[in-house]
Amino acid sequence: MALDNRDAATEPGALAQLFNQRANAGDVEGLVALYEPEAVLAAGRVVAKGHAEIRAFYTDLLARKSDFPAAEALEPVRNGDLALTIARLPNGALSVEVARAQPDGTWLWAIDQLKIAPPKA
């Protein structure tokens, strides 16, 4: 079940928490709603552009994985209507995104780079 607009991110840092809630609920549409219509999501070799491709990516991911541990969200770096959001995953990998303020005051991701692996020791 998709979440409605009252569950939208009013600050860029809220996007990571909403992602975690929606991923653990198996809410593909709720995940897609965290992105701008023409957003780009990169996860390894997969690059999804726009809502349709992002939806397909999360549909596949949620079909294979059902547990998404909470990530450590770092303080967003803001510059006007743009923000860099970073979350450290439990395995040490990083998820880095560019969020943009929307005309209604909410924030959505425009670019999402999932799972940047930590350097090997």
Protein backbone atom coordinates (compact mmCIF):
# COMPACT_ATOMS: atom_id res chain seq x y z
CA MET A 1 0.00 0.00 0.00
CA ALA A 2 1.47 3.37 -0.98
CA LEU A 3 1.75 6.11 1.60
CA ASP A 4 0.00 9.40 0.96
CA ASN A 5 1.40 12.94 0.79
CA ARG A 6 1.17 13.53 4.55
CA ASP A 7 4.07 11.07 4.76
CA ALA A 8 6.19 13.13 2.37
CA ALA A 9 9.65 14.35 3.39
CA THR A 10 9.50 17.97 4.58
CA GLU A 11 13.27 17.95 5.12
CA PRO A 12 15.88 16.19 2.97
CA GLY A 13 17.09 14.11 5.91
CA ALA A 14 13.64 12.50 6.25
CA LEU A 15 13.98 10.70 2.91
CA ALA A 16 16.23 7.95 4.33
CA GLN A 17 13.78 7.15 7.14
CA LEU A 18 10.87 7.06 4.68
CA PHE A 19 12.91 4.79 2.41
CA ASN A 20 13.56 2.36 5.25
CA GLN A 21 9.91 2.30 6.36
CA ARG A 22 8.59 1.78 2.85
CA ALA A 23 11.19 -0.80 1.83
CA ASN A 24 10.48 -2.88 4.95
CA ALA A 25 6.74 -2.60 4.25
CA GLY A 26 7.27 -3.87 0.68
CA ASP A 27 5.80 -0.60 -0.64
CA VAL A 28 7.18 -0.24 -4.18
CA GLU A 29 4.93 2.71 -5.03
CA GLY A 30 5.94 4.44 -1.80
CA LEU A 31 9.60 4.03 -2.76
CA VAL A 32 9.00 5.40 -6.25
CA ALA A 33 7.23 8.39 -4.67
CA LEU A 34 10.53 9.40 -3.01
CA TYR A 35 11.97 10.28 -6.44
CA GLU A 36 11.39 13.05 -8.95
CA PRO A 37 9.68 11.82 -12.13
CA GLU A 38 12.94 11.92 -14.14
CA ALA A 39 15.27 10.87 -11.31
CA VAL A 40 18.27 8.62 -11.86
CA LEU A 41 19.06 5.68 -9.58
CA ALA A 42 22.39 3.86 -9.91
CA ALA A 43 23.04 0.55 -8.17
CA GLY A 44 26.16 -1.16 -9.46
CA ARG A 45 25.68 -1.85 -13.15
CA VAL A 46 21.99 -1.00 -13.02
CA VAL A 47 20.99 2.53 -13.89
CA ALA A 48 17.28 3.29 -13.70
CA LYS A 49 15.95 6.54 -15.17
CA GLY A 50 12.48 7.81 -14.41
CA HIS A 51 9.66 6.38 -12.37
CA ALA A 52 8.96 3.37 -14.63
CA GLU A 53 12.54 2.06 -14.47
CA ILE A 54 12.87 2.87 -10.76
CA ARG A 55 9.62 0.99 -10.14
CA ALA A 56 10.95 -2.03 -12.04
CA PHE A 57 14.20 -1.91 -10.03
CA TYR A 58 12.40 -1.87 -6.67
CA THR A 59 9.85 -4.46 -7.75
CA ASP A 60 12.75 -6.83 -8.51
CA LEU A 61 14.67 -5.90 -5.34
CA LEU A 62 11.70 -6.37 -3.03
CA ALA A 63 10.90 -9.70 -4.65
CA ARG A 64 14.38 -10.91 -3.58
CA LYS A 65 14.93 -9.06 -0.29
CA SER A 66 12.54 -8.26 2.53
CA ASP A 67 14.74 -6.95 5.35
CA PHE A 68 16.28 -3.48 5.18
CA PRO A 69 18.15 -2.61 8.39
CA ALA A 70 18.12 1.06 9.32
CA ALA A 71 21.05 3.03 7.98
CA GLU A 72 22.90 5.77 9.84
CA ALA A 73 21.73 8.96 8.14
CA LEU A 74 24.39 11.66 8.20
CA GLU A 75 23.45 15.34 8.37
CA PRO A 76 22.45 16.54 4.87
CA VAL A 77 24.58 19.21 3.20
CA ARG A 78 22.23 21.88 1.86
CA ASN A 79 22.63 24.63 -0.70
CA GLY A 80 19.31 26.36 -1.30
CA ASP A 81 16.90 23.95 -2.95
CA LEU A 82 19.51 21.17 -3.25
CA ALA A 83 20.77 18.79 -0.59
CA LEU A 84 23.31 15.98 -0.51
CA THR A 85 22.02 13.12 1.63
CA ILE A 86 24.30 10.32 2.81
CA ALA A 87 23.48 7.15 4.72
CA ARG A 88 25.97 4.59 6.05
CA LEU A 89 24.56 1.09 5.72
CA PRO A 90 25.20 -1.55 8.42
CA ASN A 91 27.81 -3.23 6.16
CA GLY A 92 29.76 0.05 5.88
CA ALA A 93 28.63 0.87 2.34
CA LEU A 94 27.30 4.35 1.61
CA SER A 95 24.18 5.50 -0.15
CA VAL A 96 24.56 9.03 -1.54
CA GLU A 97 21.75 11.08 -3.04
CA VAL A 98 20.96 14.53 -4.36
CA ALA A 99 17.60 15.76 -3.10
CA ARG A 100 15.72 18.77 -4.42
CA ALA A 101 13.04 20.91 -2.77
CA GLN A 102 9.73 20.70 -4.61
CA PRO A 103 7.29 23.59 -5.14
CA ASP A 104 4.98 22.18 -2.41
CA GLY A 105 7.79 22.30 0.20
CA THR A 106 8.55 18.57 0.16
CA TRP A 107 11.87 16.99 -0.86
CA LEU A 108 12.49 14.28 -3.45
CA TRP A 109 15.60 12.54 -4.66
CA ALA A 110 16.83 13.55 -8.14
CA ILE A 111 19.94 11.32 -8.13
CA ASP A 112 20.52 8.20 -6.04
CA GLN A 113 23.79 6.27 -5.93
CA LEU A 114 23.10 3.12 -3.91
CA LYS A 115 25.72 1.11 -2.09
CA ILE A 116 29.12 2.63 -2.62
CA ALA A 117 31.31 -0.08 -1.09
CA PRO A 118 33.80 0.87 1.63
CA PRO A 119 37.48 0.68 0.65
CA LYS A 120 39.02 -2.74 1.12
CA ALA A 121 41.56 -2.91 3.93
